[in-house]
Amino acid sequence: GKNPREIAYRPARVLMQDFTGVPAVVDLAAMRDGIVGLGGDAEKINPLNPVDLVIDHSVMIDEFGNPRAFQMNVDREYERNIERYTFLKWGQSAFANFRV
């Protein structure tokens, strides 16, 4: 049968991948804009629990077979994703309880 007791579930940390984490940071930034628009303090908008965002996407390979291939692929990866990486770096410094 059903147990009438409740179990309190309070996670100590939230682990997110970039697919779900980036939209969550966008939402937090939008909430900060909204509270400022209402005359509130943006610093009050933060994750309640510590959040670790893991960037785990596949890297596209453009260069191979030469000694500089790894560095060239890393450089191209940053070029392709500079806007996202810059935004996430901002989020890490702007929000308490948030690490990338």
PDB file of N, CA and C in Angstrom:
ATOM      1  N   GLY A   1       0.794  -1.176   0.000  1.00  0.00           N
ATOM      2  CA  GLY A   1       0.000   0.000   0.000  1.00  0.00           C
ATOM      3  C   GLY A   1       0.851   1.261   0.000  1.00  0.00           C
ATOM      4  N   LYS A   2       0.177   2.359   0.078  1.00  0.00           N
ATOM      5  CA  LYS A   2       0.867   3.652   0.074  1.00  0.00           C
ATOM      6  C   LYS A   2       1.348   3.992   1.476  1.00  0.00           C
ATOM      7  N   ASN A   3       2.531   4.531   1.538  1.00  0.00           N
ATOM      8  CA  ASN A   3       3.105   4.982   2.799  1.00  0.00           C
ATOM      9  C   ASN A   3       2.808   6.467   2.942  1.00  0.00           C
ATOM     10  N   PRO A   4       2.139   6.888   4.009  1.00  0.00           N
ATOM     11  CA  PRO A   4       1.761   8.297   4.152  1.00  0.00           C
ATOM     12  C   PRO A   4       2.926   9.214   4.530  1.00  0.00           C
ATOM     13  N   ARG A   5       4.088   8.661   4.760  1.00  0.00           N
ATOM     14  CA  ARG A   5       5.233   9.486   5.151  1.00  0.00           C
ATOM     15  C   ARG A   5       5.881  10.141   3.938  1.00  0.00           C
ATOM     16  N   GLU A   6       6.404  11.310   4.166  1.00  0.00           N
ATOM     17  CA  GLU A   6       7.152  12.009   3.122  1.00  0.00           C
ATOM     18  C   GLU A   6       8.635  11.876   3.407  1.00  0.00           C
ATOM     19  N   ILE A   7       9.405  11.818   2.346  1.00  0.00           N
ATOM     20  CA  ILE A   7      10.858  11.789   2.477  1.00  0.00           C
ATOM     21  C   ILE A   7      11.379  13.113   1.941  1.00  0.00           C
ATOM     22  N   ALA A   8      12.051  13.852   2.792  1.00  0.00           N
ATOM     23  CA  ALA A   8      12.618  15.135   2.364  1.00  0.00           C
ATOM     24  C   ALA A   8      13.838  14.864   1.488  1.00  0.00           C
ATOM     25  N   TYR A   9      13.805  15.392   0.292  1.00  0.00           N
ATOM     26  CA  TYR A   9      14.926  15.232  -0.637  1.00  0.00           C
ATOM     27  C   TYR A   9      15.551  16.598  -0.853  1.00  0.00           C
ATOM     28  N   ARG A  10      16.741  16.757  -0.361  1.00  0.00           N
ATOM     29  CA  ARG A  10      17.433  18.040  -0.481  1.00  0.00           C
ATOM     30  C   ARG A  10      18.829  17.801  -1.028  1.00  0.00           C
ATOM     31  N   PRO A  11      18.985  17.889  -2.337  1.00  0.00           N
ATOM     32  CA  PRO A  11      20.312  17.638  -2.912  1.00  0.00           C
ATOM     33  C   PRO A  11      21.321  18.681  -2.438  1.00  0.00           C
ATOM     34  N   ALA A  12      22.544  18.232  -2.261  1.00  0.00           N
ATOM     35  CA  ALA A  12      23.607  19.130  -1.811  1.00  0.00           C
ATOM     36  C   ALA A  12      24.279  19.830  -2.985  1.00  0.00           C
ATOM     37  N   ARG A  13      24.152  19.266  -4.170  1.00  0.00           N
ATOM     38  CA  ARG A  13      24.819  19.822  -5.343  1.00  0.00           C
ATOM     39  C   ARG A  13      24.040  19.410  -6.582  1.00  0.00           C
ATOM     40  N   VAL A  14      24.050  20.265  -7.592  1.00  0.00           N
ATOM     41  CA  VAL A  14      23.419  19.959  -8.875  1.00  0.00           C
ATOM     42  C   VAL A  14      24.522  19.886  -9.920  1.00  0.00           C
ATOM     43  N   LEU A  15      24.545  18.804 -10.672  1.00  0.00           N
ATOM     44  CA  LEU A  15      25.520  18.621 -11.741  1.00  0.00           C
ATOM     45  C   LEU A  15      24.769  18.698 -13.061  1.00  0.00           C
ATOM     46  N   MET A  16      25.188  19.622 -13.936  1.00  0.00           N
ATOM     47  CA  MET A  16      24.500  19.813 -15.215  1.00  0.00           C
ATOM     48  C   MET A  16      25.501  19.710 -16.352  1.00  0.00           C
ATOM     49  N   GLN A  17      25.032  19.220 -17.487  1.00  0.00           N
ATOM     50  CA  GLN A  17      25.856  19.259 -18.686  1.00  0.00           C
ATOM     51  C   GLN A  17      25.511  20.528 -19.460  1.00  0.00           C
ATOM     52  N   ASP A  18      26.332  20.862 -20.450  1.00  0.00           N
ATOM     53  CA  ASP A  18      26.138  22.136 -21.144  1.00  0.00           C
ATOM     54  C   ASP A  18      24.799  22.219 -21.866  1.00  0.00           C
ATOM     55  N   PHE A  19      24.237  21.092 -22.300  1.00  0.00           N
ATOM     56  CA  PHE A  19      22.966  21.097 -23.030  1.00  0.00           C
ATOM     57  C   PHE A  19      21.828  21.672 -22.182  1.00  0.00           C
ATOM     58  N   THR A  20      21.827  21.386 -20.882  1.00  0.00           N
ATOM     59  CA  THR A  20      20.792  21.905 -19.989  1.00  0.00           C
ATOM     60  C   THR A  20      21.288  23.077 -19.154  1.00  0.00           C
ATOM     61  N   GLY A  21      22.582  23.142 -18.929  1.00  0.00           N
ATOM     62  CA  GLY A  21      23.141  24.182 -18.068  1.00  0.00           C
ATOM     63  C   GLY A  21      23.156  25.560 -18.690  1.00  0.00           C
ATOM     64  N   VAL A  22      23.462  25.637 -19.984  1.00  0.00           N
ATOM     65  CA  VAL A  22      23.515  26.944 -20.646  1.00  0.00           C
ATOM     66  C   VAL A  22      22.145  27.627 -20.600  1.00  0.00           C
ATOM     67  N   PRO A  23      21.036  26.935 -20.945  1.00  0.00           N
ATOM     68  CA  PRO A  23      19.729  27.595 -20.808  1.00  0.00           C
ATOM     69  C   PRO A  23      19.410  28.004 -19.370  1.00  0.00           C
ATOM     70  N   ALA A  24      19.878  27.236 -18.393  1.00  0.00           N
ATOM     71  CA  ALA A  24      19.631  27.601 -16.992  1.00  0.00           C
ATOM     72  C   ALA A  24      20.350  28.898 -16.636  1.00  0.00           C
ATOM     73  N   VAL A  25      21.570  29.082 -17.140  1.00  0.00           N
ATOM     74  CA  VAL A  25      22.309  30.323 -16.883  1.00  0.00           C
ATOM     75  C   VAL A  25      21.625  31.490 -17.590  1.00  0.00           C
ATOM     76  N   VAL A  26      21.116  31.255 -18.792  1.00  0.00           N
ATOM     77  CA  VAL A  26      20.354  32.290 -19.505  1.00  0.00           C
ATOM     78  C   VAL A  26      19.133  32.692 -18.678  1.00  0.00           C
ATOM     79  N   ASP A  27      18.436  31.708 -18.113  1.00  0.00           N
ATOM     80  CA  ASP A  27      17.263  32.005 -17.279  1.00  0.00           C
ATOM     81  C   ASP A  27      17.648  32.814 -16.044  1.00  0.00           C
ATOM     82  N   LEU A  28      18.741  32.447 -15.387  1.00  0.00           N
ATOM     83  CA  LEU A  28      19.189  33.205 -14.214  1.00  0.00           C
ATOM     84  C   LEU A  28      19.527  34.649 -14.591  1.00  0.00           C
ATOM     85  N   ALA A  29      20.204  34.822 -15.735  1.00  0.00           N
ATOM     86  CA  ALA A  29      20.546  36.174 -16.188  1.00  0.00           C
ATOM     87  C   ALA A  29      19.278  36.977 -16.487  1.00  0.00           C
ATOM     88  N   ALA A  30      18.286  36.330 -17.114  1.00  0.00           N
ATOM     89  CA  ALA A  30      17.020  37.013 -17.408  1.00  0.00           C
ATOM     90  C   ALA A  30      16.284  37.387 -16.123  1.00  0.00           C
ATOM     91  N   MET A  31      16.332  36.512 -15.126  1.00  0.00           N
ATOM     92  CA  MET A  31      15.685  36.837 -13.846  1.00  0.00           C
ATOM     93  C   MET A  31      16.378  38.019 -13.183  1.00  0.00           C
ATOM     94  N   ARG A  32      17.704  38.092 -13.324  1.00  0.00           N
ATOM     95  CA  ARG A  32      18.420  39.252 -12.773  1.00  0.00           C
ATOM     96  C   ARG A  32      17.986  40.529 -13.474  1.00  0.00           C
ATOM     97  N   ASP A  33      17.878  40.481 -14.801  1.00  0.00           N
ATOM     98  CA  ASP A  33      17.400  41.659 -15.535  1.00  0.00           C
ATOM     99  C   ASP A  33      16.000  42.047 -15.077  1.00  0.00           C
ATOM    100  N   GLY A  34      15.152  41.041 -14.884  1.00  0.00           N
ATOM    101  CA  GLY A  34      13.781  41.307 -14.454  1.00  0.00           C
ATOM    102  C   GLY A  34      13.702  41.947 -13.084  1.00  0.00           C
ATOM    103  N   ILE A  35      14.487  41.453 -12.141  1.00  0.00           N
ATOM    104  CA  ILE A  35      14.433  42.021 -10.789  1.00  0.00           C
ATOM    105  C   ILE A  35      14.999  43.439 -10.769  1.00  0.00           C
ATOM    106  N   VAL A  36      16.017  43.699 -11.587  1.00  0.00           N
ATOM    107  CA  VAL A  36      16.555  45.062 -11.685  1.00  0.00           C
ATOM    108  C   VAL A  36      15.494  45.986 -12.273  1.00  0.00           C
ATOM    109  N   GLY A  37      14.759  45.498 -13.282  1.00  0.00           N
ATOM    110  CA  GLY A  37      13.680  46.288 -13.880  1.00  0.00           C
ATOM    111  C   GLY A  37      12.576  46.639 -12.895  1.00  0.00           C
ATOM    112  N   LEU A  38      12.442  45.821 -11.860  1.00  0.00           N
ATOM    113  CA  LEU A  38      11.441  46.082 -10.824  1.00  0.00           C
ATOM    114  C   LEU A  38      12.021  46.840  -9.632  1.00  0.00           C
ATOM    115  N   GLY A  39      13.279  47.271  -9.783  1.00  0.00           N
ATOM    116  CA  GLY A  39      13.916  48.039  -8.715  1.00  0.00           C
ATOM    117  C   GLY A  39      14.578  47.190  -7.646  1.00  0.00           C
ATOM    118  N   GLY A  40      14.746  45.899  -7.911  1.00  0.00           N
ATOM    119  CA  GLY A  40      15.353  45.001  -6.929  1.00  0.00           C
ATOM    120  C   GLY A  40      16.849  44.841  -7.112  1.00  0.00           C
ATOM    121  N   ASP A  41      17.417  44.007  -6.273  1.00  0.00           N
ATOM    122  CA  ASP A  41      18.854  43.751  -6.253  1.00  0.00           C
ATOM    123  C   ASP A  41      19.170  42.475  -7.031  1.00  0.00           C
ATOM    124  N   ALA A  42      19.901  42.612  -8.134  1.00  0.00           N
ATOM    125  CA  ALA A  42      20.248  41.467  -8.975  1.00  0.00           C
ATOM    126  C   ALA A  42      21.072  40.429  -8.223  1.00  0.00           C
ATOM    127  N   GLU A  43      21.840  40.850  -7.245  1.00  0.00           N
ATOM    128  CA  GLU A  43      22.698  39.933  -6.490  1.00  0.00           C
ATOM    129  C   GLU A  43      21.900  38.906  -5.692  1.00  0.00           C
ATOM    130  N   LYS A  44      20.604  39.124  -5.545  1.00  0.00           N
ATOM    131  CA  LYS A  44      19.771  38.170  -4.808  1.00  0.00           C
ATOM    132  C   LYS A  44      19.397  36.953  -5.647  1.00  0.00           C
ATOM    133  N   ILE A  45      19.631  37.021  -6.955  1.00  0.00           N
ATOM    134  CA  ILE A  45      19.307  35.902  -7.845  1.00  0.00           C
ATOM    135  C   ILE A  45      20.552  35.042  -8.016  1.00  0.00           C
ATOM    136  N   ASN A  46      20.532  33.876  -7.391  1.00  0.00           N
ATOM    137  CA  ASN A  46      21.623  32.902  -7.457  1.00  0.00           C
ATOM    138  C   ASN A  46      21.022  31.509  -7.312  1.00  0.00           C
ATOM    139  N   PRO A  47      21.729  30.483  -7.779  1.00  0.00           N
ATOM    140  CA  PRO A  47      21.257  29.123  -7.501  1.00  0.00           C
ATOM    141  C   PRO A  47      21.194  28.891  -5.989  1.00  0.00           C
ATOM    142  N   LEU A  48      20.162  28.198  -5.526  1.00  0.00           N
ATOM    143  CA  LEU A  48      20.030  27.922  -4.096  1.00  0.00           C
ATOM    144  C   LEU A  48      21.036  26.877  -3.630  1.00  0.00           C
ATOM    145  N   ASN A  49      21.337  25.916  -4.496  1.00  0.00           N
ATOM    146  CA  ASN A  49      22.320  24.876  -4.199  1.00  0.00           C
ATOM    147  C   ASN A  49      23.540  25.077  -5.083  1.00  0.00           C
ATOM    148  N   PRO A  50      24.692  24.593  -4.660  1.00  0.00           N
ATOM    149  CA  PRO A  50      25.866  24.664  -5.530  1.00  0.00           C
ATOM    150  C   PRO A  50      25.611  23.929  -6.851  1.00  0.00           C
ATOM    151  N   VAL A  51      26.061  24.529  -7.943  1.00  0.00           N
ATOM    152  CA  VAL A  51      25.889  23.955  -9.278  1.00  0.00           C
ATOM    153  C   VAL A  51      27.253  23.822  -9.931  1.00  0.00           C
ATOM    154  N   ASP A  52      27.518  22.648 -10.504  1.00  0.00           N
ATOM    155  CA  ASP A  52      28.703  22.418 -11.325  1.00  0.00           C
ATOM    156  C   ASP A  52      28.221  22.154 -12.743  1.00  0.00           C
ATOM    157  N   LEU A  53      28.659  22.974 -13.680  1.00  0.00           N
ATOM    158  CA  LEU A  53      28.295  22.817 -15.087  1.00  0.00           C
ATOM    159  C   LEU A  53      29.475  22.190 -15.816  1.00  0.00           C
ATOM    160  N   VAL A  54      29.236  21.060 -16.471  1.00  0.00           N
ATOM    161  CA  VAL A  54      30.283  20.328 -17.174  1.00  0.00           C
ATOM    162  C   VAL A  54      30.090  20.536 -18.671  1.00  0.00           C
ATOM    163  N   ILE A  55      31.113  21.058 -19.322  1.00  0.00           N
ATOM    164  CA  ILE A  55      31.090  21.223 -20.776  1.00  0.00           C
ATOM    165  C   ILE A  55      31.640  19.934 -21.365  1.00  0.00           C
ATOM    166  N   ASP A  56      30.763  19.160 -21.990  1.00  0.00           N
ATOM    167  CA  ASP A  56      31.150  17.808 -22.407  1.00  0.00           C
ATOM    168  C   ASP A  56      30.780  17.489 -23.855  1.00  0.00           C
ATOM    169  N   HIS A  57      30.844  18.450 -24.717  1.00  0.00           N
ATOM    170  CA  HIS A  57      30.455  18.191 -26.097  1.00  0.00           C
ATOM    171  C   HIS A  57      31.630  17.621 -26.897  1.00  0.00           C
ATOM    172  N   SER A  58      31.320  17.053 -28.039  1.00  0.00           N
ATOM    173  CA  SER A  58      32.348  16.504 -28.911  1.00  0.00           C
ATOM    174  C   SER A  58      33.063  17.627 -29.647  1.00  0.00           C
ATOM    175  N   VAL A  59      34.339  17.432 -29.856  1.00  0.00           N
ATOM    176  CA  VAL A  59      35.147  18.413 -30.579  1.00  0.00           C
ATOM    177  C   VAL A  59      35.209  17.998 -32.045  1.00  0.00           C
ATOM    178  N   MET A  60      34.980  18.954 -32.926  1.00  0.00           N
ATOM    179  CA  MET A  60      35.107  18.671 -34.356  1.00  0.00           C
ATOM    180  C   MET A  60      36.584  18.658 -34.722  1.00  0.00           C
ATOM    181  N   ILE A  61      36.985  17.699 -35.524  1.00  0.00           N
ATOM    182  CA  ILE A  61      38.379  17.575 -35.937  1.00  0.00           C
ATOM    183  C   ILE A  61      38.516  18.146 -37.341  1.00  0.00           C
ATOM    184  N   ASP A  62      39.342  19.176 -37.458  1.00  0.00           N
ATOM    185  CA  ASP A  62      39.605  19.796 -38.752  1.00  0.00           C
ATOM    186  C   ASP A  62      41.001  19.464 -39.266  1.00  0.00           C
ATOM    187  N   GLU A  63      41.919  19.263 -38.340  1.00  0.00           N
ATOM    188  CA  GLU A  63      43.315  18.995 -38.697  1.00  0.00           C
ATOM    189  C   GLU A  63      43.738  17.660 -38.099  1.00  0.00           C
ATOM    190  N   PHE A  64      44.569  16.935 -38.820  1.00  0.00           N
ATOM    191  CA  PHE A  64      45.104  15.675 -38.301  1.00  0.00           C
ATOM    192  C   PHE A  64      46.388  15.342 -39.047  1.00  0.00           C
ATOM    193  N   GLY A  65      47.170  14.450 -38.465  1.00  0.00           N
ATOM    194  CA  GLY A  65      48.362  13.964 -39.146  1.00  0.00           C
ATOM    195  C   GLY A  65      49.540  14.911 -39.145  1.00  0.00           C
ATOM    196  N   ASN A  66      49.523  15.925 -38.293  1.00  0.00           N
ATOM    197  CA  ASN A  66      50.699  16.790 -38.187  1.00  0.00           C
ATOM    198  C   ASN A  66      50.905  17.150 -36.716  1.00  0.00           C
ATOM    199  N   PRO A  67      52.105  17.545 -36.356  1.00  0.00           N
ATOM    200  CA  PRO A  67      52.415  17.802 -34.940  1.00  0.00           C
ATOM    201  C   PRO A  67      51.586  18.921 -34.307  1.00  0.00           C
ATOM    202  N   ARG A  68      51.061  19.824 -35.090  1.00  0.00           N
ATOM    203  CA  ARG A  68      50.282  20.946 -34.542  1.00  0.00           C
ATOM    204  C   ARG A  68      48.775  20.708 -34.591  1.00  0.00           C
ATOM    205  N   ALA A  69      48.360  19.528 -35.012  1.00  0.00           N
ATOM    206  CA  ALA A  69      46.931  19.249 -35.205  1.00  0.00           C
ATOM    207  C   ALA A  69      46.126  19.465 -33.925  1.00  0.00           C
ATOM    208  N   PHE A  70      46.611  18.963 -32.797  1.00  0.00           N
ATOM    209  CA  PHE A  70      45.861  19.113 -31.548  1.00  0.00           C
ATOM    210  C   PHE A  70      45.631  20.582 -31.233  1.00  0.00           C
ATOM    211  N   GLN A  71      46.693  21.380 -31.255  1.00  0.00           N
ATOM    212  CA  GLN A  71      46.560  22.796 -30.915  1.00  0.00           C
ATOM    213  C   GLN A  71      45.679  23.534 -31.917  1.00  0.00           C
ATOM    214  N   MET A  72      45.783  23.178 -33.178  1.00  0.00           N
ATOM    215  CA  MET A  72      44.950  23.820 -34.197  1.00  0.00           C
ATOM    216  C   MET A  72      43.468  23.502 -33.960  1.00  0.00           C
ATOM    217  N   ASN A  73      43.158  22.261 -33.590  1.00  0.00           N
ATOM    218  CA  ASN A  73      41.771  21.879 -33.311  1.00  0.00           C
ATOM    219  C   ASN A  73      41.246  22.563 -32.059  1.00  0.00           C
ATOM    220  N   VAL A  74      42.083  22.688 -31.030  1.00  0.00           N
ATOM    221  CA  VAL A  74      41.677  23.394 -29.810  1.00  0.00           C
ATOM    222  C   VAL A  74      41.405  24.864 -30.127  1.00  0.00           C
ATOM    223  N   ASP A  75      42.299  25.483 -30.880  1.00  0.00           N
ATOM    224  CA  ASP A  75      42.110  26.893 -31.250  1.00  0.00           C
ATOM    225  C   ASP A  75      40.807  27.091 -32.021  1.00  0.00           C
ATOM    226  N   ARG A  76      40.542  26.214 -32.959  1.00  0.00           N
ATOM    227  CA  ARG A  76      39.314  26.317 -33.753  1.00  0.00           C
ATOM    228  C   ARG A  76      38.084  26.099 -32.876  1.00  0.00           C
ATOM    229  N   GLU A  77      38.180  25.193 -31.902  1.00  0.00           N
ATOM    230  CA  GLU A  77      37.081  24.951 -30.958  1.00  0.00           C
ATOM    231  C   GLU A  77      36.732  26.228 -30.206  1.00  0.00           C
ATOM    232  N   TYR A  78      37.740  26.934 -29.717  1.00  0.00           N
ATOM    233  CA  TYR A  78      37.484  28.188 -29.005  1.00  0.00           C
ATOM    234  C   TYR A  78      36.910  29.250 -29.939  1.00  0.00           C
ATOM    235  N   GLU A  79      37.393  29.303 -31.171  1.00  0.00           N
ATOM    236  CA  GLU A  79      36.847  30.264 -32.135  1.00  0.00           C
ATOM    237  C   GLU A  79      35.360  30.005 -32.378  1.00  0.00           C
ATOM    238  N   ARG A  80      34.984  28.757 -32.522  1.00  0.00           N
ATOM    239  CA  ARG A  80      33.589  28.402 -32.806  1.00  0.00           C
ATOM    240  C   ARG A  80      32.664  28.681 -31.624  1.00  0.00           C
ATOM    241  N   ASN A  81      33.188  28.572 -30.421  1.00  0.00           N
ATOM    242  CA  ASN A  81      32.344  28.631 -29.227  1.00  0.00           C
ATOM    243  C   ASN A  81      32.679  29.788 -28.299  1.00  0.00           C
ATOM    244  N   ILE A  82      33.383  30.796 -28.787  1.00  0.00           N
ATOM    245  CA  ILE A  82      33.847  31.886 -27.929  1.00  0.00           C
ATOM    246  C   ILE A  82      32.691  32.596 -27.223  1.00  0.00           C
ATOM    247  N   GLU A  83      31.579  32.798 -27.917  1.00  0.00           N
ATOM    248  CA  GLU A  83      30.452  33.500 -27.298  1.00  0.00           C
ATOM    249  C   GLU A  83      29.903  32.700 -26.111  1.00  0.00           C
ATOM    250  N   ARG A  84      29.723  31.404 -26.302  1.00  0.00           N
ATOM    251  CA  ARG A  84      29.202  30.552 -25.227  1.00  0.00           C
ATOM    252  C   ARG A  84      30.185  30.485 -24.065  1.00  0.00           C
ATOM    253  N   TYR A  85      31.468  30.288 -24.366  1.00  0.00           N
ATOM    254  CA  TYR A  85      32.470  30.202 -23.299  1.00  0.00           C
ATOM    255  C   TYR A  85      32.583  31.518 -22.531  1.00  0.00           C
ATOM    256  N   THR A  86      32.514  32.635 -23.234  1.00  0.00           N
ATOM    257  CA  THR A  86      32.576  33.944 -22.574  1.00  0.00           C
ATOM    258  C   THR A  86      31.368  34.135 -21.662  1.00  0.00           C
ATOM    259  N   PHE A  87      30.199  33.754 -22.143  1.00  0.00           N
ATOM    260  CA  PHE A  87      28.981  33.865 -21.342  1.00  0.00           C
ATOM    261  C   PHE A  87      29.065  33.003 -20.084  1.00  0.00           C
ATOM    262  N   LEU A  88      29.531  31.766 -20.236  1.00  0.00           N
ATOM    263  CA  LEU A  88      29.628  30.876 -19.078  1.00  0.00           C
ATOM    264  C   LEU A  88      30.682  31.349 -18.085  1.00  0.00           C
ATOM    265  N   LYS A  89      31.761  31.898 -18.598  1.00  0.00           N
ATOM    266  CA  LYS A  89      32.786  32.451 -17.700  1.00  0.00           C
ATOM    267  C   LYS A  89      32.204  33.630 -16.917  1.00  0.00           C
ATOM    268  N   TRP A  90      31.421  34.474 -17.596  1.00  0.00           N
ATOM    269  CA  TRP A  90      30.738  35.564 -16.901  1.00  0.00           C
ATOM    270  C   TRP A  90      29.820  34.996 -15.825  1.00  0.00           C
ATOM    271  N   GLY A  91      29.036  33.966 -16.177  1.00  0.00           N
ATOM    272  CA  GLY A  91      28.111  33.366 -15.220  1.00  0.00           C
ATOM    273  C   GLY A  91      28.815  32.839 -13.985  1.00  0.00           C
ATOM    274  N   GLN A  92      29.967  32.232 -14.191  1.00  0.00           N
ATOM    275  CA  GLN A  92      30.726  31.706 -13.054  1.00  0.00           C
ATOM    276  C   GLN A  92      31.166  32.815 -12.106  1.00  0.00           C
ATOM    277  N   SER A  93      31.521  33.962 -12.658  1.00  0.00           N
ATOM    278  CA  SER A  93      31.952  35.072 -11.796  1.00  0.00           C
ATOM    279  C   SER A  93      30.761  35.875 -11.255  1.00  0.00           C
ATOM    280  N   ALA A  94      29.629  35.847 -11.958  1.00  0.00           N
ATOM    281  CA  ALA A  94      28.476  36.658 -11.549  1.00  0.00           C
ATOM    282  C   ALA A  94      27.608  35.980 -10.492  1.00  0.00           C
ATOM    283  N   PHE A  95      27.484  34.663 -10.555  1.00  0.00           N
ATOM    284  CA  PHE A  95      26.568  33.948  -9.665  1.00  0.00           C
ATOM    285  C   PHE A  95      27.316  33.230  -8.552  1.00  0.00           C
ATOM    286  N   ALA A  96      26.765  33.311  -7.356  1.00  0.00           N
ATOM    287  CA  ALA A  96      27.280  32.512  -6.248  1.00  0.00           C
ATOM    288  C   ALA A  96      26.822  31.067  -6.459  1.00  0.00           C
ATOM    289  N   ASN A  97      27.563  30.129  -5.964  1.00  0.00           N
ATOM    290  CA  ASN A  97      27.207  28.700  -6.034  1.00  0.00           C
ATOM    291  C   ASN A  97      27.219  28.140  -7.448  1.00  0.00           C
ATOM    292  N   PHE A  98      27.991  28.721  -8.357  1.00  0.00           N
ATOM    293  CA  PHE A  98      27.991  28.257  -9.742  1.00  0.00           C
ATOM    294  C   PHE A  98      29.422  28.134 -10.245  1.00  0.00           C
ATOM    295  N   ARG A  99      29.779  26.916 -10.696  1.00  0.00           N
ATOM    296  CA  ARG A  99      31.110  26.670 -11.264  1.00  0.00           C
ATOM    297  C   ARG A  99      30.979  26.013 -12.623  1.00  0.00           C
ATOM    298  N   VAL A 100      31.897  26.359 -13.504  1.00  0.00           N
ATOM    299  CA  VAL A 100      31.970  25.722 -14.826  1.00  0.00           C
ATOM    300  C   VAL A 100      33.208  24.852 -14.829  1.00  0.00           C
TER     301      VAL A 100
END
